[in-house]
C-alpha atoms as a PDB file:
ATOM      1  CA  UNK A   1     -20.203   8.783 -88.324  1.00  0.00           C
ATOM      2  CA  UNK A   2     -18.974   5.492 -86.315  1.00  0.00           C
ATOM      3  CA  UNK A   3     -17.737   2.830 -88.763  1.00  0.00           C
ATOM      4  CA  UNK A   4     -18.598  -0.789 -87.242  1.00  0.00           C
ATOM      5  CA  UNK A   5     -16.633  -3.605 -88.117  1.00  0.00           C
ATOM      6  CA  UNK A   6     -19.204  -5.800 -89.940  1.00  0.00           C
ATOM      7  CA  UNK A   7     -16.942  -9.486 -88.485  1.00  0.00           C
ATOM      8  CA  UNK A   8     -19.372  -9.445 -85.388  1.00  0.00           C
ATOM      9  CA  UNK A   9     -22.475  -9.561 -86.606  1.00  0.00           C
ATOM     10  CA  UNK A  10     -20.251 -12.075 -89.370  1.00  0.00           C
ATOM     11  CA  UNK A  11     -19.746 -14.129 -86.687  1.00  0.00           C
ATOM     12  CA  UNK A  12     -22.578 -14.848 -84.691  1.00  0.00           C
ATOM     13  CA  UNK A  13     -24.516 -15.455 -88.140  1.00  0.00           C
ATOM     14  CA  UNK A  14     -22.149 -18.143 -88.667  1.00  0.00           C
ATOM     15  CA  UNK A  15     -22.521 -19.213 -84.957  1.00  0.00           C
ATOM     16  CA  UNK A  16     -26.097 -19.097 -85.066  1.00  0.00           C
ATOM     17  CA  UNK A  17     -26.105 -20.826 -88.135  1.00  0.00           C
ATOM     18  CA  UNK A  18     -23.548 -23.865 -87.905  1.00  0.00           C
ATOM     19  CA  UNK A  19     -23.558 -24.500 -83.632  1.00  0.00           C
ATOM     20  CA  UNK A  20     -26.227 -26.534 -83.616  1.00  0.00           C
ATOM     21  CA  UNK A  21     -24.514 -29.242 -86.360  1.00  0.00           C
ATOM     22  CA  UNK A  22     -21.177 -28.653 -84.594  1.00  0.00           C
ATOM     23  CA  UNK A  23     -22.554 -29.394 -81.031  1.00  0.00           C
ATOM     24  CA  UNK A  24     -24.347 -32.345 -82.558  1.00  0.00           C
ATOM     25  CA  UNK A  25     -21.195 -34.256 -84.668  1.00  0.00           C
ATOM     26  CA  UNK A  26     -19.334 -33.510 -81.424  1.00  0.00           C
ATOM     27  CA  UNK A  27     -21.520 -35.067 -79.162  1.00  0.00           C
ATOM     28  CA  UNK A  28     -22.023 -38.482 -81.503  1.00  0.00           C
ATOM     29  CA  UNK A  29     -17.933 -38.262 -81.639  1.00  0.00           C
ATOM     30  CA  UNK A  30     -17.799 -37.899 -77.909  1.00  0.00           C
ATOM     31  CA  UNK A  31     -20.990 -39.342 -76.043  1.00  0.00           C
ATOM     32  CA  UNK A  32     -20.784 -36.756 -74.146  1.00  0.00           C
ATOM     33  CA  UNK A  33     -23.100 -34.192 -73.904  1.00  0.00           C
ATOM     34  CA  UNK A  34     -21.051 -31.863 -71.719  1.00  0.00           C
ATOM     35  CA  UNK A  35     -17.873 -31.870 -72.858  1.00  0.00           C
ATOM     36  CA  UNK A  36     -19.214 -31.665 -76.138  1.00  0.00           C
ATOM     37  CA  UNK A  37     -20.319 -27.862 -75.647  1.00  0.00           C
ATOM     38  CA  UNK A  38     -17.259 -26.960 -73.996  1.00  0.00           C
ATOM     39  CA  UNK A  39     -15.431 -28.266 -77.159  1.00  0.00           C
ATOM     40  CA  UNK A  40     -17.776 -26.488 -79.583  1.00  0.00           C
ATOM     41  CA  UNK A  41     -17.353 -23.656 -77.607  1.00  0.00           C
ATOM     42  CA  UNK A  42     -13.265 -23.769 -78.020  1.00  0.00           C
ATOM     43  CA  UNK A  43     -14.181 -24.319 -81.756  1.00  0.00           C
ATOM     44  CA  UNK A  44     -15.788 -21.326 -82.263  1.00  0.00           C
ATOM     45  CA  UNK A  45     -13.412 -19.274 -80.102  1.00  0.00           C
ATOM     46  CA  UNK A  46     -10.372 -21.141 -82.835  1.00  0.00           C
ATOM     47  CA  UNK A  47     -13.098 -19.641 -85.560  1.00  0.00           C
ATOM     48  CA  UNK A  48     -13.477 -16.139 -83.990  1.00  0.00           C
ATOM     49  CA  UNK A  49      -9.360 -16.212 -83.613  1.00  0.00           C
ATOM     50  CA  UNK A  50      -8.359 -17.569 -87.277  1.00  0.00           C
ATOM     51  CA  UNK A  51     -11.342 -17.737 -89.702  1.00  0.00           C
ATOM     52  CA  UNK A  52     -10.522 -19.217 -92.688  1.00  0.00           C
ATOM     53  CA  UNK A  53      -9.118 -17.128 -95.588  1.00  0.00           C
ATOM     54  CA  UNK A  54     -12.547 -17.829 -97.765  1.00  0.00           C
ATOM     55  CA  UNK A  55     -15.809 -17.708 -96.035  1.00  0.00           C
ATOM     56  CA  UNK A  56     -17.356 -20.136 -97.767  1.00  0.00           C
ATOM     57  CA  UNK A  57     -15.432 -22.661 -96.382  1.00  0.00           C
ATOM     58  CA  UNK A  58     -16.639 -21.808 -93.397  1.00  0.00           C
ATOM     59  CA  UNK A  59     -18.412 -25.177 -92.955  1.00  0.00           C
ATOM     60  CA  UNK A  60     -15.378 -27.401 -93.731  1.00  0.00           C
ATOM     61  CA  UNK A  61     -13.384 -25.632 -91.347  1.00  0.00           C
ATOM     62  CA  UNK A  62     -15.663 -26.007 -88.568  1.00  0.00           C
ATOM     63  CA  UNK A  63     -16.173 -30.201 -89.479  1.00  0.00           C
ATOM     64  CA  UNK A  64     -12.104 -29.972 -89.991  1.00  0.00           C
ATOM     65  CA  UNK A  65     -11.242 -28.364 -86.427  1.00  0.00           C
ATOM     66  CA  UNK A  66     -14.279 -30.166 -84.617  1.00  0.00           C
ATOM     67  CA  UNK A  67     -12.550 -33.377 -85.825  1.00  0.00           C
ATOM     68  CA  UNK A  68      -9.566 -32.609 -84.678  1.00  0.00           C
ATOM     69  CA  UNK A  69     -10.471 -31.336 -81.333  1.00  0.00           C
ATOM     70  CA  UNK A  70     -12.800 -33.968 -80.744  1.00  0.00           C
ATOM     71  CA  UNK A  71      -9.763 -37.227 -81.636  1.00  0.00           C
ATOM     72  CA  UNK A  72      -7.682 -34.956 -79.330  1.00  0.00           C
ATOM     73  CA  UNK A  73      -9.547 -34.918 -76.247  1.00  0.00           C
ATOM     74  CA  UNK A  74     -10.847 -38.816 -76.816  1.00  0.00           C
ATOM     75  CA  UNK A  75      -6.573 -39.415 -76.839  1.00  0.00           C
ATOM     76  CA  UNK A  76      -6.151 -37.292 -73.641  1.00  0.00           C
ATOM     77  CA  UNK A  77      -8.876 -38.941 -72.060  1.00  0.00           C
ATOM     78  CA  UNK A  78      -8.005 -42.079 -73.216  1.00  0.00           C
ATOM     79  CA  UNK A  79      -4.089 -41.214 -71.544  1.00  0.00           C
ATOM     80  CA  UNK A  80      -5.548 -40.168 -68.635  1.00  0.00           C
ATOM     81  CA  UNK A  81      -7.709 -43.748 -68.083  1.00  0.00           C
ATOM     82  CA  UNK A  82      -4.065 -45.515 -68.895  1.00  0.00           C
ATOM     83  CA  UNK A  83      -2.276 -43.555 -66.237  1.00  0.00           C
ATOM     84  CA  UNK A  84      -5.193 -44.221 -63.575  1.00  0.00           C
ATOM     85  CA  UNK A  85      -5.244 -47.770 -64.519  1.00  0.00           C
ATOM     86  CA  UNK A  86      -1.182 -48.246 -64.119  1.00  0.00           C
ATOM     87  CA  UNK A  87      -0.803 -46.403 -60.924  1.00  0.00           C
ATOM     88  CA  UNK A  88      -4.085 -48.695 -59.823  1.00  0.00           C
ATOM     89  CA  UNK A  89      -2.101 -52.316 -60.786  1.00  0.00           C
ATOM     90  CA  UNK A  90       1.031 -50.555 -59.466  1.00  0.00           C
ATOM     91  CA  UNK A  91      -0.764 -49.996 -56.296  1.00  0.00           C
ATOM     92  CA  UNK A  92      -2.547 -53.564 -56.209  1.00  0.00           C
ATOM     93  CA  UNK A  93       1.092 -55.636 -57.586  1.00  0.00           C
ATOM     94  CA  UNK A  94       3.443 -54.141 -55.200  1.00  0.00           C
ATOM     95  CA  UNK A  95       2.115 -53.269 -51.559  1.00  0.00           C
ATOM     96  CA  UNK A  96       4.926 -54.937 -50.665  1.00  0.00           C
ATOM     97  CA  UNK A  97       7.112 -53.375 -52.278  1.00  0.00           C
ATOM     98  CA  UNK A  98       6.570 -49.858 -50.765  1.00  0.00           C
ATOM     99  CA  UNK A  99       6.786 -51.712 -46.839  1.00  0.00           C
ATOM    100  CA  UNK A 100       8.891 -49.595 -44.381  1.00  0.00           C
ATOM    101  CA  UNK A 101      12.254 -51.209 -43.296  1.00  0.00           C
ATOM    102  CA  UNK A 102      10.912 -51.176 -40.040  1.00  0.00           C
ATOM    103  CA  UNK A 103       8.133 -53.487 -41.599  1.00  0.00           C
ATOM    104  CA  UNK A 104      11.004 -56.047 -42.838  1.00  0.00           C
ATOM    105  CA  UNK A 105      13.037 -56.360 -39.920  1.00  0.00           C
ATOM    106  CA  UNK A 106       9.947 -56.975 -37.494  1.00  0.00           C
ATOM    107  CA  UNK A 107       8.930 -59.698 -40.270  1.00  0.00           C
ATOM    108  CA  UNK A 108      12.609 -60.765 -40.157  1.00  0.00           C
ATOM    109  CA  UNK A 109      12.560 -61.264 -36.324  1.00  0.00           C
ATOM    110  CA  UNK A 110       9.503 -62.927 -36.034  1.00  0.00           C
ATOM    111  CA  UNK A 111      10.928 -65.501 -38.712  1.00  0.00           C
ATOM    112  CA  UNK A 112      13.447 -66.038 -36.636  1.00  0.00           C
ATOM    113  CA  UNK A 113      11.611 -66.624 -33.301  1.00  0.00           C
ATOM    114  CA  UNK A 114       9.305 -69.161 -35.348  1.00  0.00           C
ATOM    115  CA  UNK A 115      12.548 -70.715 -36.708  1.00  0.00           C
ATOM    116  CA  UNK A 116      13.560 -70.840 -32.842  1.00  0.00           C
ATOM    117  CA  UNK A 117      10.688 -72.442 -31.709  1.00  0.00           C
ATOM    118  CA  UNK A 118      10.488 -75.014 -34.423  1.00  0.00           C
ATOM    119  CA  UNK A 119      14.334 -75.822 -33.782  1.00  0.00           C
ATOM    120  CA  UNK A 120      12.965 -76.400 -29.991  1.00  0.00           C
ATOM    121  CA  UNK A 121      10.708 -78.928 -30.674  1.00  0.00           C
ATOM    122  CA  UNK A 122      11.292 -83.044 -31.915  1.00  0.00           C
ATOM    123  CA  UNK A 123      12.659 -83.715 -35.029  1.00  0.00           C
ATOM    124  CA  UNK A 124       9.624 -85.550 -36.277  1.00  0.00           C
ATOM    125  CA  UNK A 125       7.572 -82.507 -35.239  1.00  0.00           C
ATOM    126  CA  UNK A 126       9.221 -79.675 -36.751  1.00  0.00           C
ATOM    127  CA  UNK A 127       9.361 -81.769 -40.197  1.00  0.00           C
ATOM    128  CA  UNK A 128       5.816 -82.333 -40.102  1.00  0.00           C
ATOM    129  CA  UNK A 129       4.405 -79.049 -39.595  1.00  0.00           C
ATOM    130  CA  UNK A 130       7.472 -78.001 -41.622  1.00  0.00           C
ATOM    131  CA  UNK A 131       5.871 -80.433 -44.605  1.00  0.00           C
ATOM    132  CA  UNK A 132       2.434 -79.218 -43.964  1.00  0.00           C
ATOM    133  CA  UNK A 133       3.225 -75.666 -44.366  1.00  0.00           C
ATOM    134  CA  UNK A 134       4.928 -76.162 -47.079  1.00  0.00           C
ATOM    135  CA  UNK A 135       1.780 -77.835 -48.840  1.00  0.00           C
ATOM    136  CA  UNK A 136       1.896 -81.284 -48.333  1.00  0.00           C
ATOM    137  CA  UNK A 137      -1.276 -83.182 -48.547  1.00  0.00           C
ATOM    138  CA  UNK A 138      -1.690 -85.904 -45.576  1.00  0.00           C
ATOM    139  CA  UNK A 139      -0.895 -88.981 -47.470  1.00  0.00           C
ATOM    140  CA  UNK A 140       2.580 -87.563 -48.970  1.00  0.00           C
ATOM    141  CA  UNK A 141       3.301 -86.417 -45.123  1.00  0.00           C
ATOM    142  CA  UNK A 142       2.805 -90.402 -44.263  1.00  0.00           C
ATOM    143  CA  UNK A 143       4.736 -90.929 -47.133  1.00  0.00           C
ATOM    144  CA  UNK A 144       7.870 -88.977 -46.095  1.00  0.00           C
ATOM    145  CA  UNK A 145       7.569 -89.520 -42.629  1.00  0.00           C
ATOM    146  CA  UNK A 146       6.924 -93.483 -42.790  1.00  0.00           C
ATOM    147  CA  UNK A 147       3.255 -92.925 -40.821  1.00  0.00           C
ATOM    148  CA  UNK A 148       0.173 -94.385 -41.242  1.00  0.00           C
ATOM    149  CA  UNK A 149      -2.003 -91.752 -43.087  1.00  0.00           C
ATOM    150  CA  UNK A 150      -4.547 -92.536 -40.730  1.00  0.00           C
ATOM    151  CA  UNK A 151      -2.212 -90.608 -38.045  1.00  0.00           C
ATOM    152  CA  UNK A 152      -1.351 -87.297 -39.691  1.00  0.00           C
ATOM    153  CA  UNK A 153      -4.282 -85.770 -38.484  1.00  0.00           C
ATOM    154  CA  UNK A 154      -3.481 -86.566 -34.858  1.00  0.00           C
ATOM    155  CA  UNK A 155       0.307 -86.468 -35.108  1.00  0.00           C
ATOM    156  CA  UNK A 156       0.023 -82.844 -36.522  1.00  0.00           C
ATOM    157  CA  UNK A 157      -2.388 -81.905 -33.969  1.00  0.00           C
ATOM    158  CA  UNK A 158      -0.139 -82.476 -31.715  1.00  0.00           C
ATOM    159  CA  UNK A 159       2.957 -80.916 -33.133  1.00  0.00           C
ATOM    160  CA  UNK A 160       1.077 -77.743 -33.434  1.00  0.00           C
ATOM    161  CA  UNK A 161       0.318 -78.041 -29.894  1.00  0.00           C
ATOM    162  CA  UNK A 162       3.801 -78.312 -28.761  1.00  0.00           C
ATOM    163  CA  UNK A 163       4.783 -75.437 -31.331  1.00  0.00           C
ATOM    164  CA  UNK A 164       2.090 -73.227 -29.519  1.00  0.00           C
ATOM    165  CA  UNK A 165       2.979 -74.152 -25.750  1.00  0.00           C
ATOM    166  CA  UNK A 166       7.082 -73.451 -27.117  1.00  0.00           C
ATOM    167  CA  UNK A 167       5.382 -70.249 -27.992  1.00  0.00           C
ATOM    168  CA  UNK A 168       3.668 -69.171 -24.753  1.00  0.00           C
ATOM    169  CA  UNK A 169       6.979 -70.605 -22.870  1.00  0.00           C
ATOM    170  CA  UNK A 170       9.295 -67.823 -24.952  1.00  0.00           C
ATOM    171  CA  UNK A 171       6.497 -65.193 -24.259  1.00  0.00           C
ATOM    172  CA  UNK A 172       6.219 -65.691 -20.778  1.00  0.00           C
ATOM    173  CA  UNK A 173      10.102 -65.263 -20.471  1.00  0.00           C
ATOM    174  CA  UNK A 174       9.948 -61.904 -22.219  1.00  0.00           C
END
């Protein structure tokens, strides 16, 4: 005579009786049916491996384990979202920090070259361009350089043209 262990049949009965309510509670907590189904399987696997001492306390045991599993899952997802958000913020706010040394040298060379072109301009043209690109308004530039405000636009245009010609002249020398 073969001695059958009644535990698998008891587990099947408990599974069929409690699975719908466990799944329903997990779906309500997680708002994700696929994740709830996965966690429900884990809850019943825990039950199979480590059943409660009192069989009549299975419902409360399942509720406690499913709640803890759901909160652990939600905490893990929140940590993952937080990590992704931090990485995205880091990439958006600090792209310059990852620039190569080569880029920095090129940028510095361009700035030095521009400074040289500006230094070759007459003082008023250089000062006018520097003020404009520093954010000064036409009226502020007129006041600073002691010229009439309507003249500022034409003077800036002429200064820009001289700077452009200086850049072209230096490019042709290379």
